[in-house]
Amino acid sequence: MQTRDNVLLLFSKLPEPGLVKTRLSTLKDGVFSPEAASVLYHCMLFDVTETCMAAFDELEAAGADADAQDVYRLMISTAPAENLPRMEELFESSGAWPRPIEFISDAGASFDEHYDDAFRKAWKAGADCILSMGADMPALTTDDVTRGFRALHELDDADEPGIVLAPDQELGVSIIGWNRGARFDHQGVFYHEEGLTVLPAYIRKAKAARLAAKYLPPVPDVDTMADLAHAATVVEALGYCAPHGLGAWPHRTARALDELGWSEIRIMPNGLMDPRSHLDA
């Protein structure tokens, strides 16, 4: 039976105070201490890991009778290289995980080069399809992951080089990946010299290379306090939906938000709506 090697490349920093999610902290324009912001990121990282592993179970169960066998691996990439043992220890000390995790480090002079370095290492390790994302996405569901790999498989089964991508909530991309035949890269995508944002930068690179592209539903990440407010409402919804067929959900992030007093989001009344007196009379 032919085997296809699928790698989910998860980019993550160590959850260190003052070095992660600083825009949520008082170091910048957030409200949390650097320690609390790092705890939130730690919870997101473990929740995203658990969701990805649950998605692998679903994908393998759905493909059990297929002619070709798909195998799935989780590869966590961190930087700098000296943090690699500490990242491994972070997961090992948390207890047993249902699947093995591979750890690598990424390096380079720019964000683009860091991403490309990790992709190169995953290709060298035997990947046929790579789906990549960050760890700051508590709204990620197993369906987002399974859709991403199924889109890659549609391209791969058709021998069509191409990319798959999901936008985030603010001009960027939360999930990006491609099959081995695409020979794509991240150069010129992040911090574009002419101010082009990440989503159109990827699309225009794919267009220039005449690659196919599969669109995935948006998945929000968390960088700012506004992002976190939205994420908190989504986390609450996911928690309620979990027993009704959702499966994995960000329970660690939910608990952290509750302990920080951010499990319920309220906003000031908004008087800027269009007039309705002519409709509601």
C-alpha atoms as a PDB file:
ATOM      1  CA  MET A   1       0.000   0.000   0.000  1.00  0.00           C
ATOM      2  CA  GLN A   2       1.322   3.427  -0.932  1.00  0.00           C
ATOM      3  CA  THR A   3       1.915   5.750   2.023  1.00  0.00           C
ATOM      4  CA  ARG A   4       1.571   9.524   2.010  1.00  0.00           C
ATOM      5  CA  ASP A   5       3.389  11.390   4.778  1.00  0.00           C
ATOM      6  CA  ASN A   6       1.454  14.379   6.144  1.00  0.00           C
ATOM      7  CA  VAL A   7       3.138  16.817   8.509  1.00  0.00           C
ATOM      8  CA  LEU A   8       1.386  19.446  10.575  1.00  0.00           C
ATOM      9  CA  LEU A   9       4.041  22.053  11.242  1.00  0.00           C
ATOM     10  CA  LEU A  10       3.167  23.975  14.397  1.00  0.00           C
ATOM     11  CA  PHE A  11       5.219  27.110  15.038  1.00  0.00           C
ATOM     12  CA  SER A  12       5.583  28.078  18.683  1.00  0.00           C
ATOM     13  CA  LYS A  13       7.785  30.058  21.004  1.00  0.00           C
ATOM     14  CA  LEU A  14       8.394  28.952  24.553  1.00  0.00           C
ATOM     15  CA  PRO A  15       5.720  30.490  26.793  1.00  0.00           C
ATOM     16  CA  GLU A  16       8.128  32.820  28.591  1.00  0.00           C
ATOM     17  CA  PRO A  17       6.924  35.988  30.377  1.00  0.00           C
ATOM     18  CA  GLY A  18       7.842  39.101  28.449  1.00  0.00           C
ATOM     19  CA  LEU A  19       8.632  37.203  25.250  1.00  0.00           C
ATOM     20  CA  VAL A  20       5.199  35.970  24.139  1.00  0.00           C
ATOM     21  CA  LYS A  21       1.897  37.791  23.624  1.00  0.00           C
ATOM     22  CA  THR A  22       3.378  41.085  24.744  1.00  0.00           C
ATOM     23  CA  ARG A  23       0.494  42.981  23.128  1.00  0.00           C
ATOM     24  CA  LEU A  24      -1.789  41.359  25.696  1.00  0.00           C
ATOM     25  CA  SER A  25       0.461  42.543  28.514  1.00  0.00           C
ATOM     26  CA  THR A  26       1.255  45.811  30.248  1.00  0.00           C
ATOM     27  CA  LEU A  27       4.584  45.802  28.414  1.00  0.00           C
ATOM     28  CA  LYS A  28       2.613  47.167  25.483  1.00  0.00           C
ATOM     29  CA  ASP A  29      -1.079  48.071  25.332  1.00  0.00           C
ATOM     30  CA  GLY A  30      -2.600  45.059  27.089  1.00  0.00           C
ATOM     31  CA  VAL A  31      -3.976  44.625  30.601  1.00  0.00           C
ATOM     32  CA  PHE A  32      -2.321  41.401  31.776  1.00  0.00           C
ATOM     33  CA  SER A  33       0.972  40.951  33.523  1.00  0.00           C
ATOM     34  CA  PRO A  34       3.672  39.363  31.347  1.00  0.00           C
ATOM     35  CA  GLU A  35       3.303  36.213  33.468  1.00  0.00           C
ATOM     36  CA  ALA A  36      -0.454  35.996  32.854  1.00  0.00           C
ATOM     37  CA  ALA A  37       0.009  36.578  29.116  1.00  0.00           C
ATOM     38  CA  SER A  38       2.532  33.739  28.967  1.00  0.00           C
ATOM     39  CA  VAL A  39       0.140  31.424  30.837  1.00  0.00           C
ATOM     40  CA  LEU A  40      -2.552  32.181  28.274  1.00  0.00           C
ATOM     41  CA  TYR A  41      -0.160  31.357  25.456  1.00  0.00           C
ATOM     42  CA  HIS A  42       0.910  28.151  27.218  1.00  0.00           C
ATOM     43  CA  CYS A  43      -2.747  27.072  27.419  1.00  0.00           C
ATOM     44  CA  MET A  44      -3.351  27.920  23.756  1.00  0.00           C
ATOM     45  CA  LEU A  45      -0.291  25.908  22.704  1.00  0.00           C
ATOM     46  CA  PHE A  46      -1.447  22.778  24.529  1.00  0.00           C
ATOM     47  CA  ASP A  47      -5.062  23.193  23.348  1.00  0.00           C
ATOM     48  CA  VAL A  48      -3.998  23.558  19.702  1.00  0.00           C
ATOM     49  CA  THR A  49      -1.746  20.500  20.055  1.00  0.00           C
ATOM     50  CA  GLU A  50      -4.622  18.449  21.452  1.00  0.00           C
ATOM     51  CA  THR A  51      -6.971  19.602  18.676  1.00  0.00           C
ATOM     52  CA  CYS A  52      -4.451  18.651  15.968  1.00  0.00           C
ATOM     53  CA  MET A  53      -4.005  15.178  17.448  1.00  0.00           C
ATOM     54  CA  ALA A  54      -7.768  14.671  17.611  1.00  0.00           C
ATOM     55  CA  ALA A  55      -7.997  15.710  13.954  1.00  0.00           C
ATOM     56  CA  PHE A  56      -5.386  13.093  13.050  1.00  0.00           C
ATOM     57  CA  ASP A  57      -7.593  10.447  14.664  1.00  0.00           C
ATOM     58  CA  GLU A  58     -10.554  11.580  12.569  1.00  0.00           C
ATOM     59  CA  LEU A  59      -8.541  11.634   9.353  1.00  0.00           C
ATOM     60  CA  GLU A  60      -7.098   8.172   9.921  1.00  0.00           C
ATOM     61  CA  ALA A  61     -10.508   6.707  10.796  1.00  0.00           C
ATOM     62  CA  ALA A  62     -12.061   8.219   7.663  1.00  0.00           C
ATOM     63  CA  GLY A  63      -9.251   6.903   5.442  1.00  0.00           C
ATOM     64  CA  ALA A  64      -9.029   3.402   6.902  1.00  0.00           C
ATOM     65  CA  ASP A  65     -10.445   1.784   3.751  1.00  0.00           C
ATOM     66  CA  ALA A  66      -8.561   3.900   1.212  1.00  0.00           C
ATOM     67  CA  ASP A  67      -6.164   2.403  -1.332  1.00  0.00           C
ATOM     68  CA  ALA A  68      -3.360   4.701  -0.159  1.00  0.00           C
ATOM     69  CA  GLN A  69      -2.450   5.058   3.483  1.00  0.00           C
ATOM     70  CA  ASP A  70      -2.107   8.553   4.950  1.00  0.00           C
ATOM     71  CA  VAL A  71       0.069   8.942   8.024  1.00  0.00           C
ATOM     72  CA  TYR A  72       0.065  12.111  10.115  1.00  0.00           C
ATOM     73  CA  ARG A  73       2.860  13.629  12.167  1.00  0.00           C
ATOM     74  CA  LEU A  74       2.934  16.648  14.446  1.00  0.00           C
ATOM     75  CA  MET A  75       6.148  18.634  14.241  1.00  0.00           C
ATOM     76  CA  ILE A  76       6.623  21.599  16.584  1.00  0.00           C
ATOM     77  CA  SER A  77       9.159  24.177  15.433  1.00  0.00           C
ATOM     78  CA  THR A  78      10.630  26.710  17.828  1.00  0.00           C
ATOM     79  CA  ALA A  79      13.417  29.298  17.929  1.00  0.00           C
ATOM     80  CA  PRO A  80      16.148  29.875  18.852  1.00  0.00           C
ATOM     81  CA  ALA A  81      17.808  26.455  18.717  1.00  0.00           C
ATOM     82  CA  GLU A  82      18.904  26.583  22.356  1.00  0.00           C
ATOM     83  CA  ASN A  83      15.230  26.601  23.383  1.00  0.00           C
ATOM     84  CA  LEU A  84      14.612  23.238  21.737  1.00  0.00           C
ATOM     85  CA  PRO A  85      15.411  21.091  24.827  1.00  0.00           C
ATOM     86  CA  ARG A  86      13.237  23.346  26.970  1.00  0.00           C
ATOM     87  CA  MET A  87      10.311  22.982  24.570  1.00  0.00           C
ATOM     88  CA  GLU A  88      10.684  19.206  24.659  1.00  0.00           C
ATOM     89  CA  GLU A  89      10.768  19.305  28.457  1.00  0.00           C
ATOM     90  CA  LEU A  90       7.648  21.493  28.533  1.00  0.00           C
ATOM     91  CA  PHE A  91       5.658  18.764  26.815  1.00  0.00           C
ATOM     92  CA  GLU A  92       7.316  15.844  28.569  1.00  0.00           C
ATOM     93  CA  SER A  93       6.663  17.326  32.006  1.00  0.00           C
ATOM     94  CA  SER A  94       2.967  17.845  31.234  1.00  0.00           C
ATOM     95  CA  GLY A  95       2.290  14.118  31.060  1.00  0.00           C
ATOM     96  CA  ALA A  96       1.589  11.623  28.309  1.00  0.00           C
ATOM     97  CA  TRP A  97       0.255  12.793  24.957  1.00  0.00           C
ATOM     98  CA  PRO A  98      -1.807  10.449  22.752  1.00  0.00           C
ATOM     99  CA  ARG A  99       0.629  10.772  19.850  1.00  0.00           C
ATOM    100  CA  PRO A 100       4.361  11.352  19.485  1.00  0.00           C
ATOM    101  CA  ILE A 101       5.587  14.880  18.833  1.00  0.00           C
ATOM    102  CA  GLU A 102       8.674  15.754  16.822  1.00  0.00           C
ATOM    103  CA  PHE A 103      10.574  18.898  17.782  1.00  0.00           C
ATOM    104  CA  ILE A 104      12.746  21.009  15.485  1.00  0.00           C
ATOM    105  CA  SER A 105      14.167  24.532  15.541  1.00  0.00           C
ATOM    106  CA  ASP A 106      13.882  27.137  12.800  1.00  0.00           C
ATOM    107  CA  ALA A 107      16.446  29.823  12.011  1.00  0.00           C
ATOM    108  CA  GLY A 108      16.995  32.735   9.648  1.00  0.00           C
ATOM    109  CA  ALA A 109      17.433  36.475   9.314  1.00  0.00           C
ATOM    110  CA  SER A 110      13.716  37.144   8.854  1.00  0.00           C
ATOM    111  CA  PHE A 111      10.312  35.633   9.571  1.00  0.00           C
ATOM    112  CA  ASP A 112      10.196  34.400   5.965  1.00  0.00           C
ATOM    113  CA  GLU A 113      13.502  32.583   6.378  1.00  0.00           C
ATOM    114  CA  HIS A 114      12.420  31.010   9.679  1.00  0.00           C
ATOM    115  CA  TYR A 115       9.325  29.586   8.024  1.00  0.00           C
ATOM    116  CA  ASP A 116      11.265  28.351   5.010  1.00  0.00           C
ATOM    117  CA  ASP A 117      13.870  26.714   7.228  1.00  0.00           C
ATOM    118  CA  ALA A 118      11.231  24.733   9.101  1.00  0.00           C
ATOM    119  CA  PHE A 119       9.548  23.689   5.853  1.00  0.00           C
ATOM    120  CA  ARG A 120      12.881  22.519   4.442  1.00  0.00           C
ATOM    121  CA  LYS A 121      13.458  20.364   7.488  1.00  0.00           C
ATOM    122  CA  ALA A 122       9.977  18.860   7.210  1.00  0.00           C
ATOM    123  CA  TRP A 123      10.465  18.061   3.497  1.00  0.00           C
ATOM    124  CA  LYS A 124      13.844  16.534   4.277  1.00  0.00           C
ATOM    125  CA  ALA A 125      12.186  14.400   6.968  1.00  0.00           C
ATOM    126  CA  GLY A 126       9.956  12.850   4.316  1.00  0.00           C
ATOM    127  CA  ALA A 127       6.838  15.028   4.207  1.00  0.00           C
ATOM    128  CA  ASP A 128       4.639  14.796   1.115  1.00  0.00           C
ATOM    129  CA  CYS A 129       2.141  17.425   2.313  1.00  0.00           C
ATOM    130  CA  ILE A 130       2.680  20.143   4.913  1.00  0.00           C
ATOM    131  CA  LEU A 131       0.015  22.129   6.737  1.00  0.00           C
ATOM    132  CA  SER A 132       1.374  24.861   9.008  1.00  0.00           C
ATOM    133  CA  MET A 133      -0.061  27.157  11.645  1.00  0.00           C
ATOM    134  CA  GLY A 134       0.735  29.068  14.797  1.00  0.00           C
ATOM    135  CA  ALA A 135      -0.116  28.017  18.336  1.00  0.00           C
ATOM    136  CA  ASP A 136      -2.131  31.129  19.269  1.00  0.00           C
ATOM    137  CA  MET A 137      -5.439  29.928  17.821  1.00  0.00           C
ATOM    138  CA  PRO A 138      -7.776  28.696  20.576  1.00  0.00           C
ATOM    139  CA  ALA A 139     -10.661  28.835  18.091  1.00  0.00           C
ATOM    140  CA  LEU A 140      -9.048  26.076  15.989  1.00  0.00           C
ATOM    141  CA  THR A 141     -11.280  23.019  15.579  1.00  0.00           C
ATOM    142  CA  THR A 142     -10.598  19.516  14.345  1.00  0.00           C
ATOM    143  CA  ASP A 143     -12.703  20.379  11.307  1.00  0.00           C
ATOM    144  CA  ASP A 144     -10.269  23.173  10.375  1.00  0.00           C
ATOM    145  CA  VAL A 145      -7.370  20.703  10.430  1.00  0.00           C
ATOM    146  CA  THR A 146      -9.177  17.922   8.561  1.00  0.00           C
ATOM    147  CA  ARG A 147     -10.367  20.370   5.895  1.00  0.00           C
ATOM    148  CA  GLY A 148      -6.824  21.583   5.413  1.00  0.00           C
ATOM    149  CA  PHE A 149      -5.386  18.126   4.829  1.00  0.00           C
ATOM    150  CA  ARG A 150      -8.296  17.009   2.658  1.00  0.00           C
ATOM    151  CA  ALA A 151      -7.784  20.061   0.453  1.00  0.00           C
ATOM    152  CA  LEU A 152      -4.093  19.175   0.151  1.00  0.00           C
ATOM    153  CA  HIS A 153      -5.022  15.607  -0.734  1.00  0.00           C
ATOM    154  CA  GLU A 154      -7.389  16.775  -3.466  1.00  0.00           C
ATOM    155  CA  LEU A 155      -4.487  18.632  -5.060  1.00  0.00           C
ATOM    156  CA  ASP A 156      -2.093  15.757  -4.500  1.00  0.00           C
ATOM    157  CA  ASP A 157      -4.451  13.104  -5.875  1.00  0.00           C
ATOM    158  CA  ALA A 158      -4.865  15.179  -9.027  1.00  0.00           C
ATOM    159  CA  ASP A 159      -1.089  15.600  -9.354  1.00  0.00           C
ATOM    160  CA  GLU A 160      -1.716  19.336  -9.165  1.00  0.00           C
ATOM    161  CA  PRO A 161       0.902  21.495  -7.416  1.00  0.00           C
ATOM    162  CA  GLY A 162      -0.865  23.951  -5.169  1.00  0.00           C
ATOM    163  CA  ILE A 163      -1.365  25.642  -1.838  1.00  0.00           C
ATOM    164  CA  VAL A 164      -4.133  25.730   0.755  1.00  0.00           C
ATOM    165  CA  LEU A 165      -4.695  28.670   3.063  1.00  0.00           C
ATOM    166  CA  ALA A 166      -7.056  30.061   5.683  1.00  0.00           C
ATOM    167  CA  PRO A 167      -7.174  33.799   6.422  1.00  0.00           C
ATOM    168  CA  ASP A 168      -7.002  35.119   9.957  1.00  0.00           C
ATOM    169  CA  GLN A 169      -9.212  37.998  11.122  1.00  0.00           C
ATOM    170  CA  GLU A 170      -6.869  40.834  10.195  1.00  0.00           C
ATOM    171  CA  LEU A 171      -5.303  40.806   6.699  1.00  0.00           C
ATOM    172  CA  GLY A 172      -3.139  37.767   7.369  1.00  0.00           C
ATOM    173  CA  VAL A 173      -3.130  33.988   7.156  1.00  0.00           C
ATOM    174  CA  SER A 174      -3.633  31.547  10.017  1.00  0.00           C
ATOM    175  CA  ILE A 175      -3.135  28.267   8.099  1.00  0.00           C
ATOM    176  CA  ILE A 176      -0.884  27.757   5.083  1.00  0.00           C
ATOM    177  CA  GLY A 177       0.432  24.641   3.401  1.00  0.00           C
ATOM    178  CA  TRP A 178       1.238  22.966   0.107  1.00  0.00           C
ATOM    179  CA  ASN A 179       2.155  19.651  -1.449  1.00  0.00           C
ATOM    180  CA  ARG A 180       5.701  18.659  -2.342  1.00  0.00           C
ATOM    181  CA  GLY A 181       5.204  19.392  -6.039  1.00  0.00           C
ATOM    182  CA  ALA A 182       4.324  23.037  -5.427  1.00  0.00           C
ATOM    183  CA  ARG A 183       7.912  24.145  -4.694  1.00  0.00           C
ATOM    184  CA  PHE A 184       6.559  27.255  -3.009  1.00  0.00           C
ATOM    185  CA  ASP A 185       8.152  29.407  -0.284  1.00  0.00           C
ATOM    186  CA  HIS A 186       7.462  32.291   2.113  1.00  0.00           C
ATOM    187  CA  GLN A 187       9.919  34.813   0.678  1.00  0.00           C
ATOM    188  CA  GLY A 188       8.497  38.330   0.449  1.00  0.00           C
ATOM    189  CA  VAL A 189       5.362  37.441   2.411  1.00  0.00           C
ATOM    190  CA  PHE A 190       5.899  38.728   5.950  1.00  0.00           C
ATOM    191  CA  TYR A 191       6.767  42.392   6.515  1.00  0.00           C
ATOM    192  CA  HIS A 192       6.492  43.093   2.794  1.00  0.00           C
ATOM    193  CA  GLU A 193       8.733  45.958   1.672  1.00  0.00           C
ATOM    194  CA  GLU A 194       5.860  47.675  -0.149  1.00  0.00           C
ATOM    195  CA  GLY A 195       3.348  47.134   2.639  1.00  0.00           C
ATOM    196  CA  LEU A 196       1.434  44.252   1.056  1.00  0.00           C
ATOM    197  CA  THR A 197      -0.266  42.188   3.746  1.00  0.00           C
ATOM    198  CA  VAL A 198       0.228  38.465   4.182  1.00  0.00           C
ATOM    199  CA  LEU A 199      -2.935  37.071   2.577  1.00  0.00           C
ATOM    200  CA  PRO A 200      -2.622  38.899  -0.779  1.00  0.00           C
ATOM    201  CA  ALA A 201       1.142  38.304  -0.743  1.00  0.00           C
ATOM    202  CA  TYR A 202       0.600  34.538  -0.683  1.00  0.00           C
ATOM    203  CA  ILE A 203      -2.120  34.722  -3.326  1.00  0.00           C
ATOM    204  CA  ARG A 204      -0.007  36.826  -5.699  1.00  0.00           C
ATOM    205  CA  LYS A 205       2.989  34.502  -5.252  1.00  0.00           C
ATOM    206  CA  ALA A 206       0.767  31.532  -6.085  1.00  0.00           C
ATOM    207  CA  LYS A 207      -0.659  33.373  -9.083  1.00  0.00           C
ATOM    208  CA  ALA A 208       2.821  34.240 -10.373  1.00  0.00           C
ATOM    209  CA  ALA A 209       3.853  30.595 -10.016  1.00  0.00           C
ATOM    210  CA  ARG A 210       0.574  29.427 -11.645  1.00  0.00           C
ATOM    211  CA  LEU A 211      -0.255  27.230  -8.694  1.00  0.00           C
ATOM    212  CA  ALA A 212      -3.690  26.047  -7.723  1.00  0.00           C
ATOM    213  CA  ALA A 213      -5.034  27.395  -4.430  1.00  0.00           C
ATOM    214  CA  LYS A 214      -7.641  25.947  -2.080  1.00  0.00           C
ATOM    215  CA  TYR A 215      -9.465  28.342   0.236  1.00  0.00           C
ATOM    216  CA  LEU A 216     -10.201  27.305   3.825  1.00  0.00           C
ATOM    217  CA  PRO A 217     -12.593  29.025   6.256  1.00  0.00           C
ATOM    218  CA  PRO A 218     -10.954  31.779   8.330  1.00  0.00           C
ATOM    219  CA  VAL A 219      -9.471  30.873  11.718  1.00  0.00           C
ATOM    220  CA  PRO A 220      -8.775  33.799  14.098  1.00  0.00           C
ATOM    221  CA  ASP A 221      -5.555  34.032  16.073  1.00  0.00           C
ATOM    222  CA  VAL A 222      -4.852  36.089  19.193  1.00  0.00           C
ATOM    223  CA  ASP A 223      -2.412  38.994  19.131  1.00  0.00           C
ATOM    224  CA  THR A 224      -4.270  41.986  20.562  1.00  0.00           C
ATOM    225  CA  MET A 225      -6.785  42.595  23.341  1.00  0.00           C
ATOM    226  CA  ALA A 226      -9.515  42.920  20.713  1.00  0.00           C
ATOM    227  CA  ASP A 227      -8.498  39.515  19.330  1.00  0.00           C
ATOM    228  CA  LEU A 228      -8.683  38.067  22.833  1.00  0.00           C
ATOM    229  CA  ALA A 229     -12.155  39.481  23.451  1.00  0.00           C
ATOM    230  CA  HIS A 230     -13.379  37.769  20.286  1.00  0.00           C
ATOM    231  CA  ALA A 231     -11.517  34.566  21.186  1.00  0.00           C
ATOM    232  CA  ALA A 232     -13.110  34.483  24.643  1.00  0.00           C
ATOM    233  CA  THR A 233     -16.605  34.477  23.128  1.00  0.00           C
ATOM    234  CA  VAL A 234     -15.613  31.727  20.679  1.00  0.00           C
ATOM    235  CA  VAL A 235     -14.044  29.645  23.448  1.00  0.00           C
ATOM    236  CA  GLU A 236     -17.271  29.851  25.447  1.00  0.00           C
ATOM    237  CA  ALA A 237     -19.264  28.719  22.418  1.00  0.00           C
ATOM    238  CA  LEU A 238     -16.864  25.846  21.715  1.00  0.00           C
ATOM    239  CA  GLY A 239     -17.129  24.704  25.320  1.00  0.00           C
ATOM    240  CA  TYR A 240     -20.901  24.519  25.123  1.00  0.00           C
ATOM    241  CA  CYS A 241     -20.824  22.784  21.727  1.00  0.00           C
ATOM    242  CA  ALA A 242     -18.156  20.242  22.729  1.00  0.00           C
ATOM    243  CA  PRO A 243     -20.531  17.596  24.174  1.00  0.00           C
ATOM    244  CA  HIS A 244     -22.725  17.823  21.089  1.00  0.00           C
ATOM    245  CA  GLY A 245     -20.290  16.382  18.566  1.00  0.00           C
ATOM    246  CA  LEU A 246     -17.528  18.994  18.475  1.00  0.00           C
ATOM    247  CA  GLY A 247     -14.925  16.848  20.225  1.00  0.00           C
ATOM    248  CA  ALA A 248     -11.680  18.583  21.217  1.00  0.00           C
ATOM    249  CA  TRP A 249     -12.087  22.104  22.536  1.00  0.00           C
ATOM    250  CA  PRO A 250      -9.771  24.673  24.208  1.00  0.00           C
ATOM    251  CA  HIS A 251     -10.537  23.745  27.816  1.00  0.00           C
ATOM    252  CA  ARG A 252      -7.182  24.962  29.163  1.00  0.00           C
ATOM    253  CA  THR A 253      -7.632  28.384  27.589  1.00  0.00           C
ATOM    254  CA  ALA A 254     -11.206  28.514  28.885  1.00  0.00           C
ATOM    255  CA  ARG A 255     -10.033  27.798  32.422  1.00  0.00           C
ATOM    256  CA  ALA A 256      -7.274  30.419  32.200  1.00  0.00           C
ATOM    257  CA  LEU A 257      -9.698  33.048  30.885  1.00  0.00           C
ATOM    258  CA  ASP A 258     -12.082  32.257  33.718  1.00  0.00           C
ATOM    259  CA  GLU A 259      -9.336  32.603  36.332  1.00  0.00           C
ATOM    260  CA  LEU A 260      -8.266  35.914  34.785  1.00  0.00           C
ATOM    261  CA  GLY A 261     -11.830  37.245  34.816  1.00  0.00           C
ATOM    262  CA  TRP A 262     -12.123  37.213  31.038  1.00  0.00           C
ATOM    263  CA  SER A 263     -14.629  34.415  30.519  1.00  0.00           C
ATOM    264  CA  GLU A 264     -17.503  36.876  30.026  1.00  0.00           C
ATOM    265  CA  ILE A 265     -17.175  39.742  27.560  1.00  0.00           C
ATOM    266  CA  ARG A 266     -19.412  42.825  27.774  1.00  0.00           C
ATOM    267  CA  ILE A 267     -19.245  45.951  25.636  1.00  0.00           C
ATOM    268  CA  MET A 268     -20.556  49.488  26.023  1.00  0.00           C
ATOM    269  CA  PRO A 269     -23.963  50.133  24.439  1.00  0.00           C
ATOM    270  CA  ASN A 270     -23.516  51.299  20.869  1.00  0.00           C
ATOM    271  CA  GLY A 271     -25.659  54.198  19.743  1.00  0.00           C
ATOM    272  CA  LEU A 272     -24.186  54.402  16.256  1.00  0.00           C
ATOM    273  CA  MET A 273     -26.686  52.095  14.595  1.00  0.00           C
ATOM    274  CA  ASP A 274     -28.806  53.146  11.616  1.00  0.00           C
ATOM    275  CA  PRO A 275     -32.184  54.606  12.634  1.00  0.00           C
ATOM    276  CA  ARG A 276     -35.012  52.029  12.872  1.00  0.00           C
ATOM    277  CA  SER A 277     -37.942  54.164  14.006  1.00  0.00           C
ATOM    278  CA  HIS A 278     -39.465  53.986  10.532  1.00  0.00           C
ATOM    279  CA  LEU A 279     -39.272  50.162  10.702  1.00  0.00           C
ATOM    280  CA  ASP A 280     -40.151  49.433  14.328  1.00  0.00           C
ATOM    281  CA  ALA A 281     -43.029  51.855  14.820  1.00  0.00           C
END
